[in-house]
mmCIF file of all heavy atoms, coordinates in Angstrom:
data_MODEL
# 
_entry.id   MODEL 
# 
loop_
_atom_site.group_PDB 
_atom_site.id 
_atom_site.type_symbol 
_atom_site.label_atom_id 
_atom_site.label_alt_id 
_atom_site.label_comp_id 
_atom_site.label_asym_id 
_atom_site.label_entity_id 
_atom_site.label_seq_id 
_atom_site.pdbx_PDB_ins_code 
_atom_site.Cartn_x 
_atom_site.Cartn_y 
_atom_site.Cartn_z 
_atom_site.occupancy 
_atom_site.B_iso_or_equiv 
_atom_site.pdbx_formal_charge 
_atom_site.auth_seq_id 
_atom_site.auth_comp_id 
_atom_site.auth_asym_id 
_atom_site.auth_atom_id 
_atom_site.pdbx_PDB_model_num 
ATOM 1   N N   . PRO A 1 1  ? 0.797   -1.241 -0.009  1.00 0.00 ? 1  PRO A N   1 
ATOM 2   C CA  . PRO A 1 1  ? 0.002   0.000  -0.009  1.00 0.00 ? 1  PRO A CA  1 
ATOM 3   C C   . PRO A 1 1  ? 0.853   1.284  0.001   1.00 0.00 ? 1  PRO A C   1 
ATOM 4   O O   . PRO A 1 1  ? 0.574   2.170  -0.810  1.00 0.00 ? 1  PRO A O   1 
ATOM 5   C CB  . PRO A 1 1  ? -0.861  -0.134 1.262   1.00 0.00 ? 1  PRO A CB  1 
ATOM 6   C CG  . PRO A 1 1  ? -0.993  -1.602 1.446   1.00 0.00 ? 1  PRO A CG  1 
ATOM 7   C CD  . PRO A 1 1  ? 0.315   -2.199 1.024   1.00 0.00 ? 1  PRO A CD  1 
ATOM 8   N N   . PRO A 1 2  ? 1.827   1.429  0.926   1.00 0.00 ? 2  PRO A N   1 
ATOM 9   C CA  . PRO A 1 2  ? 2.598   2.675  0.838   1.00 0.00 ? 2  PRO A CA  1 
ATOM 10  C C   . PRO A 1 2  ? 3.388   2.832  -0.470  1.00 0.00 ? 2  PRO A C   1 
ATOM 11  O O   . PRO A 1 2  ? 3.587   3.944  -0.955  1.00 0.00 ? 2  PRO A O   1 
ATOM 12  C CB  . PRO A 1 2  ? 3.529   2.611  2.051   1.00 0.00 ? 2  PRO A CB  1 
ATOM 13  C CG  . PRO A 1 2  ? 3.546   1.196  2.444   1.00 0.00 ? 2  PRO A CG  1 
ATOM 14  C CD  . PRO A 1 2  ? 2.224   0.632  2.094   1.00 0.00 ? 2  PRO A CD  1 
ATOM 15  N N   . ARG A 1 3  ? 3.837   1.712  -1.025  1.00 0.00 ? 3  ARG A N   1 
ATOM 16  C CA  . ARG A 1 3  ? 4.540   1.774  -2.309  1.00 0.00 ? 3  ARG A CA  1 
ATOM 17  C C   . ARG A 1 3  ? 3.623   2.281  -3.404  1.00 0.00 ? 3  ARG A C   1 
ATOM 18  O O   . ARG A 1 3  ? 4.011   3.055  -4.285  1.00 0.00 ? 3  ARG A O   1 
ATOM 19  C CB  . ARG A 1 3  ? 5.141   0.433  -2.658  1.00 0.00 ? 3  ARG A CB  1 
ATOM 20  C CG  . ARG A 1 3  ? 6.263   -0.022 -1.725  1.00 0.00 ? 3  ARG A CG  1 
ATOM 21  C CD  . ARG A 1 3  ? 6.903   -1.302 -2.195  1.00 0.00 ? 3  ARG A CD  1 
ATOM 22  N NE  . ARG A 1 3  ? 7.712   -1.079 -3.418  1.00 0.00 ? 3  ARG A NE  1 
ATOM 23  C CZ  . ARG A 1 3  ? 7.467   -1.684 -4.553  1.00 0.00 ? 3  ARG A CZ  1 
ATOM 24  N NH1 . ARG A 1 3  ? 6.429   -2.525 -4.705  1.00 0.00 ? 3  ARG A NH1 1 
ATOM 25  N NH2 . ARG A 1 3  ? 8.230   -1.417 -5.633  1.00 0.00 ? 3  ARG A NH2 1 
ATOM 26  N N   . VAL A 1 4  ? 2.397   1.753  -3.361  1.00 0.00 ? 4  VAL A N   1 
ATOM 27  C CA  . VAL A 1 4  ? 1.421   2.185  -4.378  1.00 0.00 ? 4  VAL A CA  1 
ATOM 28  C C   . VAL A 1 4  ? 1.090   3.663  -4.208  1.00 0.00 ? 4  VAL A C   1 
ATOM 29  O O   . VAL A 1 4  ? 1.037   4.411  -5.191  1.00 0.00 ? 4  VAL A O   1 
ATOM 30  C CB  . VAL A 1 4  ? 0.136   1.321  -4.305  1.00 0.00 ? 4  VAL A CB  1 
ATOM 31  C CG1 . VAL A 1 4  ? -0.964  1.900  -5.229  1.00 0.00 ? 4  VAL A CG1 1 
ATOM 32  C CG2 . VAL A 1 4  ? 0.454   -0.123 -4.714  1.00 0.00 ? 4  VAL A CG2 1 
ATOM 33  N N   . LEU A 1 5  ? 0.850   4.072  -2.994  1.00 0.00 ? 5  LEU A N   1 
ATOM 34  C CA  . LEU A 1 5  ? 0.466   5.468  -2.713  1.00 0.00 ? 5  LEU A CA  1 
ATOM 35  C C   . LEU A 1 5  ? 1.581   6.436  -3.055  1.00 0.00 ? 5  LEU A C   1 
ATOM 36  O O   . LEU A 1 5  ? 1.333   7.603  -3.347  1.00 0.00 ? 5  LEU A O   1 
ATOM 37  C CB  . LEU A 1 5  ? 0.045   5.640  -1.261  1.00 0.00 ? 5  LEU A CB  1 
ATOM 38  C CG  . LEU A 1 5  ? -1.190  4.816  -0.813  1.00 0.00 ? 5  LEU A CG  1 
ATOM 39  C CD1 . LEU A 1 5  ? -1.507  5.093  0.629   1.00 0.00 ? 5  LEU A CD1 1 
ATOM 40  C CD2 . LEU A 1 5  ? -2.369  5.099  -1.667  1.00 0.00 ? 5  LEU A CD2 1 
ATOM 41  N N   . ARG A 1 6  ? 2.859   5.966  -2.974  1.00 0.00 ? 6  ARG A N   1 
ATOM 42  C CA  . ARG A 1 6  ? 3.986   6.807  -3.339  1.00 0.00 ? 6  ARG A CA  1 
ATOM 43  C C   . ARG A 1 6  ? 4.401   6.692  -4.774  1.00 0.00 ? 6  ARG A C   1 
ATOM 44  O O   . ARG A 1 6  ? 5.430   7.224  -5.204  1.00 0.00 ? 6  ARG A O   1 
ATOM 45  C CB  . ARG A 1 6  ? 5.168   6.458  -2.430  1.00 0.00 ? 6  ARG A CB  1 
ATOM 46  C CG  . ARG A 1 6  ? 4.940   6.775  -0.957  1.00 0.00 ? 6  ARG A CG  1 
ATOM 47  C CD  . ARG A 1 6  ? 6.134   6.368  -0.123  1.00 0.00 ? 6  ARG A CD  1 
ATOM 48  N NE  . ARG A 1 6  ? 5.941   6.653  1.277   1.00 0.00 ? 6  ARG A NE  1 
ATOM 49  C CZ  . ARG A 1 6  ? 6.810   6.340  2.252   1.00 0.00 ? 6  ARG A CZ  1 
ATOM 50  N NH1 . ARG A 1 6  ? 7.983   5.767  1.877   1.00 0.00 ? 6  ARG A NH1 1 
ATOM 51  N NH2 . ARG A 1 6  ? 6.553   6.593  3.471   1.00 0.00 ? 6  ARG A NH2 1 
ATOM 52  N N   . ASN A 1 7  ? 3.612   5.930  -5.568  1.00 0.00 ? 7  ASN A N   1 
ATOM 53  C CA  . ASN A 1 7  ? 3.871   5.751  -6.991  1.00 0.00 ? 7  ASN A CA  1 
ATOM 54  C C   . ASN A 1 7  ? 5.238   5.049  -7.196  1.00 0.00 ? 7  ASN A C   1 
ATOM 55  O O   . ASN A 1 7  ? 5.928   5.312  -8.150  1.00 0.00 ? 7  ASN A O   1 
ATOM 56  C CB  . ASN A 1 7  ? 3.840   7.056  -7.734  1.00 0.00 ? 7  ASN A CB  1 
ATOM 57  C CG  . ASN A 1 7  ? 2.434   7.602  -7.908  1.00 0.00 ? 7  ASN A CG  1 
ATOM 58  O OD1 . ASN A 1 7  ? 1.505   6.828  -7.999  1.00 0.00 ? 7  ASN A OD1 1 
ATOM 59  N ND2 . ASN A 1 7  ? 2.318   8.906  -7.865  1.00 0.00 ? 7  ASN A ND2 1 
ATOM 60  N N   . ARG A 1 8  ? 5.592   4.127  -6.307  1.00 0.00 ? 8  ARG A N   1 
ATOM 61  C CA  . ARG A 1 8  ? 6.827   3.382  -6.449  1.00 0.00 ? 8  ARG A CA  1 
ATOM 62  C C   . ARG A 1 8  ? 6.576   1.931  -6.856  1.00 0.00 ? 8  ARG A C   1 
ATOM 63  O O   . ARG A 1 8  ? 7.506   1.133  -6.975  1.00 0.00 ? 8  ARG A O   1 
ATOM 64  C CB  . ARG A 1 8  ? 7.612   3.419  -5.135  1.00 0.00 ? 8  ARG A CB  1 
ATOM 65  C CG  . ARG A 1 8  ? 8.157   4.800  -4.773  1.00 0.00 ? 8  ARG A CG  1 
ATOM 66  C CD  . ARG A 1 8  ? 8.903   4.811  -3.497  1.00 0.00 ? 8  ARG A CD  1 
ATOM 67  N NE  . ARG A 1 8  ? 9.419   6.114  -3.171  1.00 0.00 ? 8  ARG A NE  1 
ATOM 68  C CZ  . ARG A 1 8  ? 10.086  6.428  -2.069  1.00 0.00 ? 8  ARG A CZ  1 
ATOM 69  N NH1 . ARG A 1 8  ? 10.378  5.459  -1.180  1.00 0.00 ? 8  ARG A NH1 1 
ATOM 70  N NH2 . ARG A 1 8  ? 10.500  7.666  -1.850  1.00 0.00 ? 8  ARG A NH2 1 
ATOM 71  N N   . ALA A 1 9  ? 5.324   1.562  -6.997  1.00 0.00 ? 9  ALA A N   1 
ATOM 72  C CA  . ALA A 1 9  ? 4.978   0.205  -7.385  1.00 0.00 ? 9  ALA A CA  1 
ATOM 73  C C   . ALA A 1 9  ? 4.677   0.188  -8.907  1.00 0.00 ? 9  ALA A C   1 
ATOM 74  O O   . ALA A 1 9  ? 4.515   1.223  -9.559  1.00 0.00 ? 9  ALA A O   1 
ATOM 75  C CB  . ALA A 1 9  ? 3.755   -0.249 -6.608  1.00 0.00 ? 9  ALA A CB  1 
ATOM 76  N N   . ALA A 1 10 ? 4.627   -1.053 -9.403  1.00 0.00 ? 10 ALA A N   1 
ATOM 77  C CA  . ALA A 1 10 ? 4.351   -1.182 -10.864 1.00 0.00 ? 10 ALA A CA  1 
ATOM 78  C C   . ALA A 1 10 ? 2.941   -0.722 -11.183 1.00 0.00 ? 10 ALA A C   1 
ATOM 79  O O   . ALA A 1 10 ? 2.702   -0.166 -12.255 1.00 0.00 ? 10 ALA A O   1 
ATOM 80  C CB  . ALA A 1 10 ? 4.539   -2.647 -11.276 1.00 0.00 ? 10 ALA A CB  1 
ATOM 81  N N   . THR A 1 11 ? 2.005   -0.946 -10.269 1.00 0.00 ? 11 THR A N   1 
ATOM 82  C CA  . THR A 1 11 ? 0.630   -0.512 -10.463 1.00 0.00 ? 11 THR A CA  1 
ATOM 83  C C   . THR A 1 11 ? 0.437   0.858  -9.841  1.00 0.00 ? 11 THR A C   1 
ATOM 84  O O   . THR A 1 11 ? 0.675   1.045  -8.634  1.00 0.00 ? 11 THR A O   1 
ATOM 85  C CB  . THR A 1 11 ? -0.353  -1.492 -9.811  1.00 0.00 ? 11 THR A CB  1 
ATOM 86  O OG1 . THR A 1 11 ? -0.148  -2.794 -10.370 1.00 0.00 ? 11 THR A OG1 1 
ATOM 87  C CG2 . THR A 1 11 ? -1.784  -1.075 -10.085 1.00 0.00 ? 11 THR A CG2 1 
ATOM 88  N N   . ARG A 1 12 ? 0.055   1.817  -10.616 1.00 0.00 ? 12 ARG A N   1 
ATOM 89  C CA  . ARG A 1 12 ? -0.163  3.185  -10.129 1.00 0.00 ? 12 ARG A CA  1 
ATOM 90  C C   . ARG A 1 12 ? -1.617  3.539  -10.164 1.00 0.00 ? 12 ARG A C   1 
ATOM 91  O O   . ARG A 1 12 ? -2.332  3.227  -11.122 1.00 0.00 ? 12 ARG A O   1 
ATOM 92  C CB  . ARG A 1 12 ? 0.654   4.165  -10.972 1.00 0.00 ? 12 ARG A CB  1 
ATOM 93  C CG  . ARG A 1 12 ? 2.138   3.921  -10.874 1.00 0.00 ? 12 ARG A CG  1 
ATOM 94  C CD  . ARG A 1 12 ? 2.946   5.077  -11.395 1.00 0.00 ? 12 ARG A CD  1 
ATOM 95  N NE  . ARG A 1 12 ? 4.382   4.855  -11.172 1.00 0.00 ? 12 ARG A NE  1 
ATOM 96  C CZ  . ARG A 1 12 ? 5.319   5.772  -11.414 1.00 0.00 ? 12 ARG A CZ  1 
ATOM 97  N NH1 . ARG A 1 12 ? 4.962   6.980  -11.841 1.00 0.00 ? 12 ARG A NH1 1 
ATOM 98  N NH2 . ARG A 1 12 ? 6.600   5.503  -11.170 1.00 0.00 ? 12 ARG A NH2 1 
ATOM 99  N N   . PRO A 1 13 ? -2.108  4.210  -9.093  1.00 0.00 ? 13 PRO A N   1 
ATOM 100 C CA  . PRO A 1 13 ? -3.544  4.529  -9.069  1.00 0.00 ? 13 PRO A CA  1 
ATOM 101 C C   . PRO A 1 13 ? -3.916  5.593  -10.094 1.00 0.00 ? 13 PRO A C   1 
ATOM 102 O O   . PRO A 1 13 ? -3.120  6.433  -10.439 1.00 0.00 ? 13 PRO A O   1 
ATOM 103 C CB  . PRO A 1 13 ? -3.721  5.071  -7.634  1.00 0.00 ? 13 PRO A CB  1 
ATOM 104 C CG  . PRO A 1 13 ? -2.380  5.555  -7.219  1.00 0.00 ? 13 PRO A CG  1 
ATOM 105 C CD  . PRO A 1 13 ? -1.384  4.673  -7.908  1.00 0.00 ? 13 PRO A CD  1 
ATOM 106 N N   . GLU A 1 14 ? -5.126  5.480  -10.555 1.00 0.00 ? 14 GLU A N   1 
ATOM 107 C CA  . GLU A 1 14 ? -5.667  6.523  -11.433 1.00 0.00 ? 14 GLU A CA  1 
ATOM 108 C C   . GLU A 1 14 ? -5.819  7.786  -10.600 1.00 0.00 ? 14 GLU A C   1 
ATOM 109 O O   . GLU A 1 14 ? -6.263  7.779  -9.470  1.00 0.00 ? 14 GLU A O   1 
ATOM 110 C CB  . GLU A 1 14 ? -7.025  6.067  -11.938 1.00 0.00 ? 14 GLU A CB  1 
ATOM 111 C CG  . GLU A 1 14 ? -7.756  7.110  -12.774 1.00 0.00 ? 14 GLU A CG  1 
ATOM 112 C CD  . GLU A 1 14 ? -9.179  6.704  -13.052 1.00 0.00 ? 14 GLU A CD  1 
ATOM 113 O OE1 . GLU A 1 14 ? -9.595  5.567  -12.675 1.00 0.00 ? 14 GLU A OE1 1 
ATOM 114 O OE2 . GLU A 1 14 ? -9.904  7.497  -13.658 1.00 0.00 ? 14 GLU A OE2 1 
ATOM 115 N N   . VAL A 1 15 ? -5.470  8.917  -11.184 1.00 0.00 ? 15 VAL A N   1 
ATOM 116 C CA  . VAL A 1 15 ? -5.474  10.180 -10.437 1.00 0.00 ? 15 VAL A CA  1 
ATOM 117 C C   . VAL A 1 15 ? -6.790  10.920 -10.704 1.00 0.00 ? 15 VAL A C   1 
ATOM 118 O O   . VAL A 1 15 ? -7.190  11.087 -11.855 1.00 0.00 ? 15 VAL A O   1 
ATOM 119 C CB  . VAL A 1 15 ? -4.273  11.067 -10.869 1.00 0.00 ? 15 VAL A CB  1 
ATOM 120 C CG1 . VAL A 1 15 ? -4.351  12.402 -10.126 1.00 0.00 ? 15 VAL A CG1 1 
ATOM 121 C CG2 . VAL A 1 15 ? -2.960  10.367 -10.571 1.00 0.00 ? 15 VAL A CG2 1 
ATOM 122 N N   . ALA A 1 16 ? -7.462  11.288 -9.597  1.00 0.00 ? 16 ALA A N   1 
ATOM 123 C CA  . ALA A 1 16 ? -8.700  12.099 -9.757  1.00 0.00 ? 16 ALA A CA  1 
ATOM 124 C C   . ALA A 1 16 ? -8.255  13.535 -9.974  1.00 0.00 ? 16 ALA A C   1 
ATOM 125 O O   . ALA A 1 16 ? -8.366  14.400 -9.094  1.00 0.00 ? 16 ALA A O   1 
ATOM 126 C CB  . ALA A 1 16 ? -9.523  11.932 -8.502  1.00 0.00 ? 16 ALA A CB  1 
ATOM 127 N N   . SER A 1 17 ? -7.805  13.839 -11.170 1.00 0.00 ? 17 SER A N   1 
ATOM 128 C CA  . SER A 1 17 ? -7.276  15.133 -11.505 1.00 0.00 ? 17 SER A CA  1 
ATOM 129 C C   . SER A 1 17 ? -8.381  16.122 -11.867 1.00 0.00 ? 17 SER A C   1 
ATOM 130 O O   . SER A 1 17 ? -9.531  15.755 -12.130 1.00 0.00 ? 17 SER A O   1 
ATOM 131 C CB  . SER A 1 17 ? -6.341  14.954 -12.705 1.00 0.00 ? 17 SER A CB  1 
ATOM 132 O OG  . SER A 1 17 ? -7.081  14.537 -13.845 1.00 0.00 ? 17 SER A OG  1 
ATOM 133 N N   . PRO A 1 18 ? -8.049  17.421 -11.899 1.00 0.00 ? 18 PRO A N   1 
ATOM 134 C CA  . PRO A 1 18 ? -9.023  18.422 -12.320 1.00 0.00 ? 18 PRO A CA  1 
ATOM 135 C C   . PRO A 1 18 ? -9.531  18.168 -13.725 1.00 0.00 ? 18 PRO A C   1 
ATOM 136 O O   . PRO A 1 18 ? -10.701 18.417 -14.034 1.00 0.00 ? 18 PRO A O   1 
ATOM 137 C CB  . PRO A 1 18 ? -8.239  19.735 -12.244 1.00 0.00 ? 18 PRO A CB  1 
ATOM 138 C CG  . PRO A 1 18 ? -7.181  19.488 -11.214 1.00 0.00 ? 18 PRO A CG  1 
ATOM 139 C CD  . PRO A 1 18 ? -6.796  18.039 -11.368 1.00 0.00 ? 18 PRO A CD  1 
ATOM 140 N N   . GLU A 1 19 ? -8.662  17.610 -14.603 1.00 0.00 ? 19 GLU A N   1 
ATOM 141 C CA  . GLU A 1 19 ? -9.103  17.315 -15.966 1.00 0.00 ? 19 GLU A CA  1 
ATOM 142 C C   . GLU A 1 19 ? -10.169 16.218 -15.948 1.00 0.00 ? 19 GLU A C   1 
ATOM 143 O O   . GLU A 1 19 ? -11.147 16.275 -16.691 1.00 0.00 ? 19 GLU A O   1 
ATOM 144 C CB  . GLU A 1 19 ? -7.914  16.905 -16.833 1.00 0.00 ? 19 GLU A CB  1 
ATOM 145 C CG  . GLU A 1 19 ? -6.880  17.969 -17.098 1.00 0.00 ? 19 GLU A CG  1 
ATOM 146 C CD  . GLU A 1 19 ? -6.004  18.306 -15.925 1.00 0.00 ? 19 GLU A CD  1 
ATOM 147 O OE1 . GLU A 1 19 ? -5.988  17.483 -14.962 1.00 0.00 ? 19 GLU A OE1 1 
ATOM 148 O OE2 . GLU A 1 19 ? -5.338  19.352 -15.947 1.00 0.00 ? 19 GLU A OE2 1 
ATOM 149 N N   . ALA A 1 20 ? -9.947  15.204 -15.067 1.00 0.00 ? 20 ALA A N   1 
ATOM 150 C CA  . ALA A 1 20 ? -10.931 14.153 -14.968 1.00 0.00 ? 20 ALA A CA  1 
ATOM 151 C C   . ALA A 1 20 ? -12.223 14.652 -14.339 1.00 0.00 ? 20 ALA A C   1 
ATOM 152 O O   . ALA A 1 20 ? -13.322 14.197 -14.698 1.00 0.00 ? 20 ALA A O   1 
ATOM 153 C CB  . ALA A 1 20 ? -10.357 13.006 -14.118 1.00 0.00 ? 20 ALA A CB  1 
ATOM 154 N N   . VAL A 1 21 ? -12.104 15.629 -13.431 1.00 0.00 ? 21 VAL A N   1 
ATOM 155 C CA  . VAL A 1 21 ? -13.305 16.228 -12.821 1.00 0.00 ? 21 VAL A CA  1 
ATOM 156 C C   . VAL A 1 21 ? -14.111 16.954 -13.908 1.00 0.00 ? 21 VAL A C   1 
ATOM 157 O O   . VAL A 1 21 ? -15.347 16.794 -13.994 1.00 0.00 ? 21 VAL A O   1 
ATOM 158 C CB  . VAL A 1 21 ? -12.906 17.233 -11.722 1.00 0.00 ? 21 VAL A CB  1 
ATOM 159 C CG1 . VAL A 1 21 ? -14.113 18.024 -11.271 1.00 0.00 ? 21 VAL A CG1 1 
ATOM 160 C CG2 . VAL A 1 21 ? -12.335 16.475 -10.531 1.00 0.00 ? 21 VAL A CG2 1 
ATOM 161 N N   . VAL A 1 22 ? -13.455 17.755 -14.732 1.00 0.00 ? 22 VAL A N   1 
ATOM 162 C CA  . VAL A 1 22 ? -14.135 18.490 -15.778 1.00 0.00 ? 22 VAL A CA  1 
ATOM 163 C C   . VAL A 1 22 ? -14.782 17.544 -16.777 1.00 0.00 ? 22 VAL A C   1 
ATOM 164 O O   . VAL A 1 22 ? -15.875 17.796 -17.299 1.00 0.00 ? 22 VAL A O   1 
ATOM 165 C CB  . VAL A 1 22 ? -13.125 19.433 -16.493 1.00 0.00 ? 22 VAL A CB  1 
ATOM 166 C CG1 . VAL A 1 22 ? -13.776 20.075 -17.703 1.00 0.00 ? 22 VAL A CG1 1 
ATOM 167 C CG2 . VAL A 1 22 ? -12.639 20.486 -15.539 1.00 0.00 ? 22 VAL A CG2 1 
ATOM 168 N N   . ALA A 1 23 ? -14.090 16.420 -17.061 1.00 0.00 ? 23 ALA A N   1 
ATOM 169 C CA  . ALA A 1 23 ? -14.640 15.432 -18.019 1.00 0.00 ? 23 ALA A CA  1 
ATOM 170 C C   . ALA A 1 23 ? -15.798 14.639 -17.465 1.00 0.00 ? 23 ALA A C   1 
ATOM 171 O O   . ALA A 1 23 ? -16.453 13.886 -18.217 1.00 0.00 ? 23 ALA A O   1 
ATOM 172 C CB  . ALA A 1 23 ? -13.492 14.509 -18.452 1.00 0.00 ? 23 ALA A CB  1 
ATOM 173 N N   . GLY A 1 24 ? -16.101 14.790 -16.174 1.00 0.00 ? 24 GLY A N   1 
ATOM 174 C CA  . GLY A 1 24 ? -17.198 14.074 -15.577 1.00 0.00 ? 24 GLY A CA  1 
ATOM 175 C C   . GLY A 1 24 ? -16.861 12.713 -15.119 1.00 0.00 ? 24 GLY A C   1 
ATOM 176 O O   . GLY A 1 24 ? -17.758 11.895 -14.802 1.00 0.00 ? 24 GLY A O   1 
ATOM 177 N N   . ASN A 1 25 ? -15.558 12.341 -15.066 1.00 0.00 ? 25 ASN A N   1 
ATOM 178 C CA  . ASN A 1 25 ? -15.148 10.970 -14.678 1.00 0.00 ? 25 ASN A CA  1 
ATOM 179 C C   . ASN A 1 25 ? -14.937 10.823 -13.188 1.00 0.00 ? 25 ASN A C   1 
ATOM 180 O O   . ASN A 1 25 ? -14.629 9.707  -12.774 1.00 0.00 ? 25 ASN A O   1 
ATOM 181 C CB  . ASN A 1 25 ? -13.861 10.627 -15.435 1.00 0.00 ? 25 ASN A CB  1 
ATOM 182 C CG  . ASN A 1 25 ? -14.053 10.611 -16.935 1.00 0.00 ? 25 ASN A CG  1 
ATOM 183 O OD1 . ASN A 1 25 ? -15.116 10.300 -17.448 1.00 0.00 ? 25 ASN A OD1 1 
ATOM 184 N ND2 . ASN A 1 25 ? -13.006 10.991 -17.653 1.00 0.00 ? 25 ASN A ND2 1 
ATOM 185 N N   . VAL A 1 26 ? -15.080 11.884 -12.432 1.00 0.00 ? 26 VAL A N   1 
ATOM 186 C CA  . VAL A 1 26 ? -14.873 11.812 -11.011 1.00 0.00 ? 26 VAL A CA  1 
ATOM 187 C C   . VAL A 1 26 ? -16.151 12.062 -10.215 1.00 0.00 ? 26 VAL A C   1 
ATOM 188 O O   . VAL A 1 26 ? -16.539 11.273 -9.378  1.00 0.00 ? 26 VAL A O   1 
ATOM 189 C CB  . VAL A 1 26 ? -13.766 12.834 -10.551 1.00 0.00 ? 26 VAL A CB  1 
ATOM 190 C CG1 . VAL A 1 26 ? -13.600 12.808 -9.027  1.00 0.00 ? 26 VAL A CG1 1 
ATOM 191 C CG2 . VAL A 1 26 ? -12.481 12.541 -11.246 1.00 0.00 ? 26 VAL A CG2 1 
ATOM 192 N N   . LEU A 1 27 ? -16.811 13.137 -10.503 1.00 0.00 ? 27 LEU A N   1 
ATOM 193 C CA  . LEU A 1 27 ? -18.009 13.542 -9.754  1.00 0.00 ? 27 LEU A CA  1 
ATOM 194 C C   . LEU A 1 27 ? -19.318 13.164 -10.489 1.00 0.00 ? 27 LEU A C   1 
ATOM 195 O O   . LEU A 1 27 ? -20.388 13.439 -9.968  1.00 0.00 ? 27 LEU A O   1 
ATOM 196 C CB  . LEU A 1 27 ? -17.974 15.046 -9.496  1.00 0.00 ? 27 LEU A CB  1 
ATOM 197 C CG  . LEU A 1 27 ? -16.728 15.579 -8.786  1.00 0.00 ? 27 LEU A CG  1 
ATOM 198 C CD1 . LEU A 1 27 ? -16.834 17.074 -8.635  1.00 0.00 ? 27 LEU A CD1 1 
ATOM 199 C CD2 . LEU A 1 27 ? -16.548 14.908 -7.458  1.00 0.00 ? 27 LEU A CD2 1 
# 
């Protein structure tokens, strides 16, 4: 979990970015 949260693992979480918010993919 801490490796994933720090983006040090092979699997990286999808980021709830402002661009994704505007696109309607977050809210």
